[in-house]
N, C-alpha and C. Protein backbone atom coordinates (compact mmCIF):
# COMPACT_ATOMS: atom_id res chain seq x y z
N MET A 1 -50.70 173.12 89.01
CA MET A 1 -49.91 172.56 87.92
C MET A 1 -50.57 171.30 87.38
N SER A 2 -51.17 170.51 88.29
CA SER A 2 -51.79 169.27 87.83
C SER A 2 -52.98 169.55 86.91
N TYR A 3 -53.64 170.71 87.12
CA TYR A 3 -54.75 171.06 86.24
C TYR A 3 -54.26 171.31 84.81
N VAL A 4 -53.08 171.93 84.70
CA VAL A 4 -52.51 172.19 83.37
C VAL A 4 -52.18 170.87 82.69
N VAL A 5 -51.56 169.96 83.43
CA VAL A 5 -51.21 168.65 82.87
C VAL A 5 -52.47 167.90 82.46
N ASN A 6 -53.49 167.92 83.32
CA ASN A 6 -54.75 167.24 82.99
C ASN A 6 -55.39 167.84 81.75
N GLY A 7 -55.35 169.16 81.63
CA GLY A 7 -55.91 169.81 80.46
C GLY A 7 -55.17 169.43 79.19
N LEU A 8 -53.84 169.41 79.26
CA LEU A 8 -53.05 169.03 78.09
C LEU A 8 -53.30 167.58 77.69
N VAL A 9 -53.39 166.70 78.69
CA VAL A 9 -53.67 165.29 78.39
C VAL A 9 -55.05 165.15 77.75
N ALA A 10 -56.02 165.90 78.25
CA ALA A 10 -57.37 165.83 77.69
C ALA A 10 -57.39 166.32 76.24
N VAL A 11 -56.71 167.43 75.96
CA VAL A 11 -56.67 167.96 74.60
C VAL A 11 -55.96 166.99 73.67
N LEU A 12 -54.83 166.45 74.12
CA LEU A 12 -54.09 165.49 73.31
C LEU A 12 -54.92 164.24 73.04
N THR A 13 -55.62 163.76 74.05
CA THR A 13 -56.48 162.59 73.88
C THR A 13 -57.57 162.86 72.85
N MET A 14 -58.18 164.04 72.93
CA MET A 14 -59.24 164.36 71.97
C MET A 14 -58.69 164.46 70.55
N LEU A 15 -57.51 165.06 70.39
CA LEU A 15 -56.93 165.17 69.05
C LEU A 15 -56.59 163.81 68.48
N VAL A 16 -55.96 162.96 69.30
CA VAL A 16 -55.61 161.62 68.84
C VAL A 16 -56.87 160.84 68.50
N PHE A 17 -57.86 160.95 69.36
CA PHE A 17 -59.11 160.23 69.12
C PHE A 17 -59.76 160.71 67.83
N TYR A 18 -59.84 162.03 67.62
CA TYR A 18 -60.49 162.57 66.43
C TYR A 18 -59.77 162.12 65.16
N THR A 19 -58.46 162.31 65.11
CA THR A 19 -57.74 161.95 63.89
C THR A 19 -57.72 160.44 63.69
N GLY A 20 -57.56 159.69 64.77
CA GLY A 20 -57.54 158.23 64.65
C GLY A 20 -58.87 157.67 64.19
N MET A 21 -59.96 158.16 64.76
CA MET A 21 -61.28 157.66 64.39
C MET A 21 -61.61 158.03 62.95
N LYS A 22 -61.24 159.23 62.55
CA LYS A 22 -61.51 159.66 61.18
C LYS A 22 -60.78 158.76 60.18
N ARG A 23 -59.51 158.51 60.43
CA ARG A 23 -58.73 157.67 59.52
C ARG A 23 -59.20 156.22 59.59
N LEU A 24 -59.57 155.76 60.78
CA LEU A 24 -60.01 154.38 60.94
C LEU A 24 -61.32 154.14 60.20
N LEU A 25 -62.28 155.03 60.39
CA LEU A 25 -63.59 154.83 59.78
C LEU A 25 -63.55 154.95 58.26
N PHE A 26 -62.60 155.70 57.74
CA PHE A 26 -62.48 155.82 56.29
C PHE A 26 -61.46 154.85 55.71
N GLY A 27 -60.98 153.90 56.52
CA GLY A 27 -60.10 152.84 56.04
C GLY A 27 -58.72 153.30 55.64
N GLN A 28 -58.19 154.33 56.27
CA GLN A 28 -56.88 154.86 55.90
C GLN A 28 -55.75 154.32 56.77
N ILE A 29 -56.07 153.56 57.80
CA ILE A 29 -55.02 152.98 58.65
C ILE A 29 -54.78 151.57 58.15
N GLY A 30 -53.60 151.33 57.60
CA GLY A 30 -53.30 150.07 56.92
C GLY A 30 -53.38 148.85 57.81
N PHE A 31 -52.72 148.86 58.98
CA PHE A 31 -52.68 147.65 59.79
C PHE A 31 -53.99 147.37 60.50
N LEU A 32 -54.91 148.34 60.53
CA LEU A 32 -56.20 148.12 61.15
C LEU A 32 -57.31 147.87 60.14
N LYS A 33 -56.97 147.81 58.85
CA LYS A 33 -58.00 147.59 57.84
C LYS A 33 -58.65 146.23 58.06
N ALA A 34 -59.93 146.25 58.14
CA ALA A 34 -60.68 145.02 58.32
C ALA A 34 -61.43 144.72 57.03
N PRO A 35 -61.68 143.44 56.74
CA PRO A 35 -62.36 143.11 55.50
C PRO A 35 -63.81 143.60 55.47
N LYS A 36 -64.41 143.79 56.62
CA LYS A 36 -65.80 144.21 56.67
C LYS A 36 -65.93 145.43 57.58
N ALA A 37 -67.00 146.16 57.39
CA ALA A 37 -67.25 147.32 58.25
C ALA A 37 -67.44 146.90 59.70
N HIS A 38 -67.96 145.68 59.92
CA HIS A 38 -68.18 145.19 61.28
C HIS A 38 -66.86 145.12 62.05
N GLY A 39 -65.80 144.70 61.39
CA GLY A 39 -64.48 144.63 62.03
C GLY A 39 -63.96 146.02 62.36
N ARG A 40 -64.22 146.97 61.49
CA ARG A 40 -63.79 148.34 61.74
C ARG A 40 -64.51 148.92 62.96
N LEU A 41 -65.77 148.58 63.11
CA LEU A 41 -66.51 149.08 64.26
C LEU A 41 -65.97 148.51 65.56
N LYS A 42 -65.51 147.27 65.56
CA LYS A 42 -64.89 146.69 66.75
C LYS A 42 -63.62 147.44 67.11
N VAL A 43 -62.82 147.74 66.09
CA VAL A 43 -61.58 148.48 66.33
C VAL A 43 -61.91 149.90 66.79
N ALA A 44 -62.94 150.50 66.20
CA ALA A 44 -63.35 151.84 66.62
C ALA A 44 -63.78 151.84 68.08
N GLY A 45 -64.49 150.80 68.49
CA GLY A 45 -64.89 150.67 69.88
C GLY A 45 -63.70 150.55 70.80
N LEU A 46 -62.68 149.82 70.37
CA LEU A 46 -61.45 149.67 71.15
C LEU A 46 -60.74 151.01 71.29
N VAL A 47 -60.65 151.76 70.20
CA VAL A 47 -60.02 153.08 70.24
C VAL A 47 -60.81 154.00 71.18
N LEU A 48 -62.13 153.94 71.12
CA LEU A 48 -62.97 154.75 71.99
C LEU A 48 -62.74 154.37 73.46
N LEU A 49 -62.64 153.10 73.75
CA LEU A 49 -62.39 152.64 75.11
C LEU A 49 -61.05 153.15 75.62
N ILE A 50 -60.02 153.06 74.80
CA ILE A 50 -58.69 153.53 75.20
C ILE A 50 -58.72 155.04 75.45
N ALA A 51 -59.39 155.78 74.58
CA ALA A 51 -59.49 157.23 74.76
C ALA A 51 -60.25 157.58 76.04
N ALA A 52 -61.33 156.86 76.32
CA ALA A 52 -62.11 157.11 77.53
C ALA A 52 -61.30 156.80 78.78
N LEU A 53 -60.54 155.71 78.75
CA LEU A 53 -59.70 155.37 79.90
C LEU A 53 -58.62 156.42 80.12
N GLY A 54 -58.03 156.90 79.03
CA GLY A 54 -57.03 157.96 79.15
C GLY A 54 -57.61 159.22 79.74
N GLN A 55 -58.81 159.57 79.33
CA GLN A 55 -59.47 160.75 79.86
C GLN A 55 -59.82 160.56 81.33
N ALA A 56 -60.28 159.38 81.69
CA ALA A 56 -60.63 159.10 83.08
C ALA A 56 -59.40 159.17 83.98
N CYS A 57 -58.28 158.66 83.50
CA CYS A 57 -57.04 158.72 84.29
C CYS A 57 -56.58 160.15 84.45
N ALA A 58 -56.74 160.96 83.43
CA ALA A 58 -56.31 162.36 83.51
C ALA A 58 -57.17 163.13 84.50
N ALA A 59 -58.44 162.80 84.60
CA ALA A 59 -59.35 163.53 85.47
C ALA A 59 -59.37 162.99 86.89
N ALA A 60 -58.69 161.88 87.15
CA ALA A 60 -58.76 161.23 88.45
C ALA A 60 -57.90 161.91 89.51
N THR A 61 -56.93 162.71 89.12
CA THR A 61 -56.05 163.32 90.11
C THR A 61 -56.74 164.53 90.71
N SER A 62 -56.49 164.76 91.99
CA SER A 62 -57.07 165.91 92.67
C SER A 62 -55.96 166.85 93.12
N PRO A 63 -56.29 168.10 93.37
CA PRO A 63 -55.25 169.03 93.82
C PRO A 63 -54.72 168.62 95.19
N THR A 64 -53.43 168.76 95.37
CA THR A 64 -52.82 168.36 96.64
C THR A 64 -52.44 169.56 97.49
N ASP A 65 -52.34 170.72 96.89
CA ASP A 65 -51.94 171.91 97.62
C ASP A 65 -53.18 172.63 98.14
N GLU A 66 -53.56 172.34 99.39
CA GLU A 66 -54.77 172.93 99.97
C GLU A 66 -54.61 174.44 100.19
N SER A 67 -53.37 174.90 100.38
CA SER A 67 -53.17 176.33 100.62
C SER A 67 -53.54 177.14 99.38
N ALA A 68 -53.36 176.57 98.19
CA ALA A 68 -53.73 177.28 96.97
C ALA A 68 -55.23 177.50 96.92
N ILE A 69 -56.00 176.52 97.36
CA ILE A 69 -57.46 176.65 97.38
C ILE A 69 -57.87 177.72 98.38
N ASP A 70 -57.23 177.74 99.57
CA ASP A 70 -57.55 178.74 100.58
C ASP A 70 -57.22 180.14 100.09
N THR A 71 -56.10 180.29 99.37
CA THR A 71 -55.69 181.60 98.87
C THR A 71 -56.71 182.13 97.87
N VAL A 72 -57.17 181.28 96.99
CA VAL A 72 -58.16 181.70 96.00
C VAL A 72 -59.45 182.10 96.69
N ALA A 73 -59.87 181.33 97.68
CA ALA A 73 -61.11 181.64 98.39
C ALA A 73 -60.98 182.96 99.15
N ALA A 74 -59.81 183.22 99.74
CA ALA A 74 -59.63 184.44 100.51
C ALA A 74 -59.59 185.66 99.61
N ALA A 75 -59.09 185.51 98.39
CA ALA A 75 -58.96 186.65 97.49
C ALA A 75 -60.21 186.88 96.65
N SER A 76 -61.24 186.08 96.84
CA SER A 76 -62.46 186.20 96.04
C SER A 76 -63.18 187.50 96.35
N PRO A 77 -63.49 188.30 95.32
CA PRO A 77 -64.12 189.60 95.55
C PRO A 77 -65.63 189.50 95.70
N THR A 78 -66.08 188.94 96.81
CA THR A 78 -67.52 188.85 97.05
C THR A 78 -67.86 189.75 98.23
N PRO A 79 -69.06 190.30 98.25
CA PRO A 79 -69.42 191.24 99.32
C PRO A 79 -69.66 190.52 100.64
N GLY A 80 -69.48 191.25 101.70
CA GLY A 80 -69.82 190.74 103.02
C GLY A 80 -71.19 191.25 103.39
N GLU A 81 -71.24 192.10 104.42
CA GLU A 81 -72.51 192.70 104.83
C GLU A 81 -73.01 193.71 103.81
N SER A 82 -72.07 194.42 103.18
CA SER A 82 -72.45 195.42 102.19
C SER A 82 -71.43 195.42 101.06
N TRP A 83 -71.80 196.07 99.97
CA TRP A 83 -70.92 196.16 98.80
C TRP A 83 -69.98 197.34 98.96
N GLU A 84 -68.74 197.17 98.55
CA GLU A 84 -67.81 198.29 98.49
C GLU A 84 -68.15 199.10 97.24
N VAL A 85 -68.19 200.42 97.37
CA VAL A 85 -68.57 201.30 96.27
C VAL A 85 -67.37 202.16 95.88
N ALA A 86 -67.08 202.22 94.59
CA ALA A 86 -65.98 203.05 94.09
C ALA A 86 -66.34 204.53 94.24
N ALA A 87 -65.35 205.35 94.60
CA ALA A 87 -65.59 206.79 94.75
C ALA A 87 -65.98 207.41 93.41
N THR A 88 -65.26 207.03 92.35
CA THR A 88 -65.59 207.50 91.00
C THR A 88 -65.48 206.32 90.05
N PRO A 89 -66.21 206.35 88.94
CA PRO A 89 -66.09 205.25 87.97
C PRO A 89 -64.68 205.11 87.42
N GLU A 90 -63.97 206.23 87.32
CA GLU A 90 -62.61 206.20 86.80
C GLU A 90 -61.68 205.37 87.69
N ASP A 91 -61.98 205.29 88.99
CA ASP A 91 -61.16 204.48 89.91
C ASP A 91 -61.17 203.01 89.51
N SER A 92 -62.25 202.58 88.86
CA SER A 92 -62.37 201.18 88.42
C SER A 92 -62.09 201.02 86.94
N GLY A 93 -61.67 202.10 86.29
CA GLY A 93 -61.34 202.01 84.87
C GLY A 93 -62.52 202.25 83.94
N TYR A 94 -63.60 202.85 84.44
CA TYR A 94 -64.77 203.13 83.61
C TYR A 94 -64.88 204.62 83.33
N SER A 95 -65.51 204.95 82.24
CA SER A 95 -65.72 206.34 81.85
C SER A 95 -67.06 206.83 82.40
N ALA A 96 -67.03 207.96 83.10
CA ALA A 96 -68.27 208.53 83.65
C ALA A 96 -69.22 208.93 82.53
N GLU A 97 -68.68 209.42 81.41
CA GLU A 97 -69.52 209.81 80.28
C GLU A 97 -70.22 208.59 79.67
N ALA A 98 -69.48 207.50 79.53
CA ALA A 98 -70.07 206.29 78.95
C ALA A 98 -71.15 205.72 79.87
N LEU A 99 -70.92 205.79 81.18
CA LEU A 99 -71.94 205.30 82.12
C LEU A 99 -73.18 206.19 82.10
N SER A 100 -72.98 207.49 81.92
CA SER A 100 -74.14 208.40 81.80
C SER A 100 -74.94 208.08 80.54
N ALA A 101 -74.23 207.78 79.46
CA ALA A 101 -74.92 207.40 78.22
C ALA A 101 -75.66 206.08 78.39
N ALA A 102 -75.05 205.14 79.11
CA ALA A 102 -75.71 203.85 79.36
C ALA A 102 -76.96 204.05 80.21
N GLN A 103 -76.87 204.92 81.21
CA GLN A 103 -78.03 205.19 82.05
C GLN A 103 -79.14 205.84 81.24
N ALA A 104 -78.80 206.78 80.38
CA ALA A 104 -79.81 207.42 79.53
C ALA A 104 -80.47 206.40 78.62
N TYR A 105 -79.69 205.47 78.09
CA TYR A 105 -80.25 204.44 77.22
C TYR A 105 -81.19 203.52 78.00
N THR A 106 -80.78 203.09 79.19
CA THR A 106 -81.63 202.16 79.95
C THR A 106 -82.95 202.80 80.36
N GLU A 107 -82.97 204.11 80.48
CA GLU A 107 -84.23 204.79 80.80
C GLU A 107 -85.21 204.74 79.63
N THR A 108 -84.70 204.56 78.41
CA THR A 108 -85.57 204.49 77.24
C THR A 108 -86.11 203.09 76.98
N ILE A 109 -85.56 202.07 77.64
CA ILE A 109 -85.98 200.69 77.37
C ILE A 109 -86.68 200.04 78.56
N ASN A 110 -87.21 200.87 79.47
CA ASN A 110 -87.99 200.36 80.59
C ASN A 110 -87.18 199.39 81.47
N THR A 111 -86.03 199.83 81.94
CA THR A 111 -85.19 199.03 82.82
C THR A 111 -85.48 199.43 84.26
N ALA A 112 -85.65 198.45 85.14
CA ALA A 112 -85.98 198.74 86.53
C ALA A 112 -84.76 199.10 87.37
N ALA A 113 -83.65 198.39 87.18
CA ALA A 113 -82.46 198.65 87.99
C ALA A 113 -81.22 198.14 87.28
N VAL A 114 -80.11 198.84 87.49
CA VAL A 114 -78.82 198.43 86.92
C VAL A 114 -77.76 198.60 88.00
N MET A 115 -76.91 197.60 88.15
CA MET A 115 -75.77 197.70 89.05
C MET A 115 -74.56 197.14 88.31
N ILE A 116 -73.52 197.94 88.19
CA ILE A 116 -72.30 197.52 87.50
C ILE A 116 -71.25 197.23 88.56
N VAL A 117 -70.79 195.98 88.59
CA VAL A 117 -69.83 195.53 89.60
C VAL A 117 -68.59 195.04 88.88
N ALA A 118 -67.42 195.53 89.30
CA ALA A 118 -66.15 195.08 88.73
C ALA A 118 -65.23 194.70 89.89
N ASP A 119 -64.76 193.46 89.88
CA ASP A 119 -63.86 192.96 90.93
C ASP A 119 -64.45 193.13 92.33
N GLY A 120 -65.76 192.94 92.46
CA GLY A 120 -66.41 193.01 93.76
C GLY A 120 -66.69 194.42 94.24
N ILE A 121 -66.44 195.43 93.41
CA ILE A 121 -66.66 196.83 93.79
C ILE A 121 -67.75 197.40 92.88
N VAL A 122 -68.74 198.06 93.49
CA VAL A 122 -69.82 198.67 92.72
C VAL A 122 -69.27 199.91 92.03
N VAL A 123 -69.29 199.88 90.70
CA VAL A 123 -68.80 201.01 89.91
C VAL A 123 -69.88 202.07 89.79
N ASP A 124 -71.11 201.65 89.49
CA ASP A 124 -72.23 202.57 89.35
C ASP A 124 -73.52 201.78 89.51
N GLN A 125 -74.58 202.48 89.89
CA GLN A 125 -75.89 201.85 90.02
C GLN A 125 -76.96 202.90 89.86
N TRP A 126 -78.10 202.48 89.32
CA TRP A 126 -79.25 203.37 89.21
C TRP A 126 -80.51 202.53 89.15
N GLY A 127 -81.60 203.17 89.44
CA GLY A 127 -82.87 202.46 89.50
C GLY A 127 -83.11 201.93 90.91
N GLU A 128 -84.02 200.99 91.03
CA GLU A 128 -84.41 200.44 92.33
C GLU A 128 -83.50 199.27 92.70
N THR A 129 -82.24 199.55 93.01
CA THR A 129 -81.28 198.47 93.29
C THR A 129 -81.52 197.82 94.64
N GLU A 130 -82.27 198.45 95.54
CA GLU A 130 -82.56 197.86 96.85
C GLU A 130 -83.77 196.93 96.80
N ARG A 131 -84.56 197.03 95.75
CA ARG A 131 -85.80 196.24 95.63
C ARG A 131 -85.50 194.84 95.11
N LYS A 132 -86.19 193.85 95.65
CA LYS A 132 -86.07 192.47 95.16
C LYS A 132 -87.07 192.28 94.03
N PHE A 133 -86.57 191.69 92.93
CA PHE A 133 -87.41 191.46 91.76
C PHE A 133 -87.68 189.97 91.60
N ASN A 134 -88.86 189.64 91.11
CA ASN A 134 -89.24 188.26 90.85
C ASN A 134 -88.79 187.90 89.43
N ILE A 135 -87.68 187.19 89.31
CA ILE A 135 -87.09 186.89 87.98
C ILE A 135 -86.96 185.38 87.82
N HIS A 136 -88.06 184.74 87.50
CA HIS A 136 -88.10 183.28 87.44
C HIS A 136 -87.14 182.67 86.43
N SER A 137 -87.22 183.03 85.19
CA SER A 137 -86.51 182.30 84.14
C SER A 137 -85.35 183.07 83.53
N ILE A 138 -84.71 183.90 84.30
CA ILE A 138 -83.63 184.71 83.74
C ILE A 138 -82.30 183.95 83.72
N ARG A 139 -82.15 182.96 84.58
CA ARG A 139 -80.85 182.30 84.73
C ARG A 139 -80.32 181.72 83.43
N LYS A 140 -81.15 180.99 82.70
CA LYS A 140 -80.67 180.36 81.45
C LYS A 140 -80.28 181.40 80.41
N SER A 141 -81.08 182.43 80.27
CA SER A 141 -80.77 183.48 79.29
C SER A 141 -79.51 184.24 79.69
N PHE A 142 -79.39 184.53 80.97
CA PHE A 142 -78.22 185.27 81.45
C PHE A 142 -76.95 184.45 81.27
N LEU A 143 -76.98 183.17 81.63
CA LEU A 143 -75.80 182.32 81.46
C LEU A 143 -75.45 182.14 79.99
N ALA A 144 -76.45 182.04 79.12
CA ALA A 144 -76.17 181.93 77.69
C ALA A 144 -75.47 183.19 77.19
N ALA A 145 -75.90 184.35 77.68
CA ALA A 145 -75.25 185.60 77.29
C ALA A 145 -73.82 185.65 77.84
N MET A 146 -73.61 185.18 79.06
CA MET A 146 -72.27 185.18 79.64
C MET A 146 -71.33 184.25 78.89
N TYR A 147 -71.82 183.09 78.47
CA TYR A 147 -70.99 182.19 77.68
C TYR A 147 -70.62 182.83 76.35
N GLY A 148 -71.52 183.62 75.80
CA GLY A 148 -71.25 184.29 74.54
C GLY A 148 -70.19 185.36 74.66
N ILE A 149 -70.07 185.95 75.83
CA ILE A 149 -69.08 187.01 76.04
C ILE A 149 -67.74 186.36 76.20
């Protein structure tokens, strides 16, 4: 629950900061109007400081319910010694025909191995999935693609 409150405080702080700074810098706040731009920058710095302190206070609280953390860790779908494999793709909500089409496509683009995992269960795999590949610079590209999804 504290994460929700912290998130709402952070969003509210950003909105107030954005609208306040925009109006301040364009001279639309009457009681903060300064005769020179230098005075406005001082006030802008003060607003920035207040916003930063508000954000720091919102982020300073830590979770107090340790059992919630343990529950999430216990329910995490990560493999142990081996991966759990679905009996059929339909068991995991996938179409066998679509996976066959995907496999046919990957064979045309020189793909070495594909493994489709959903909720910690292997839905389908083909290629050399047991082989270790040397993939030096894939992390940044892969994470960029994941953020895009």
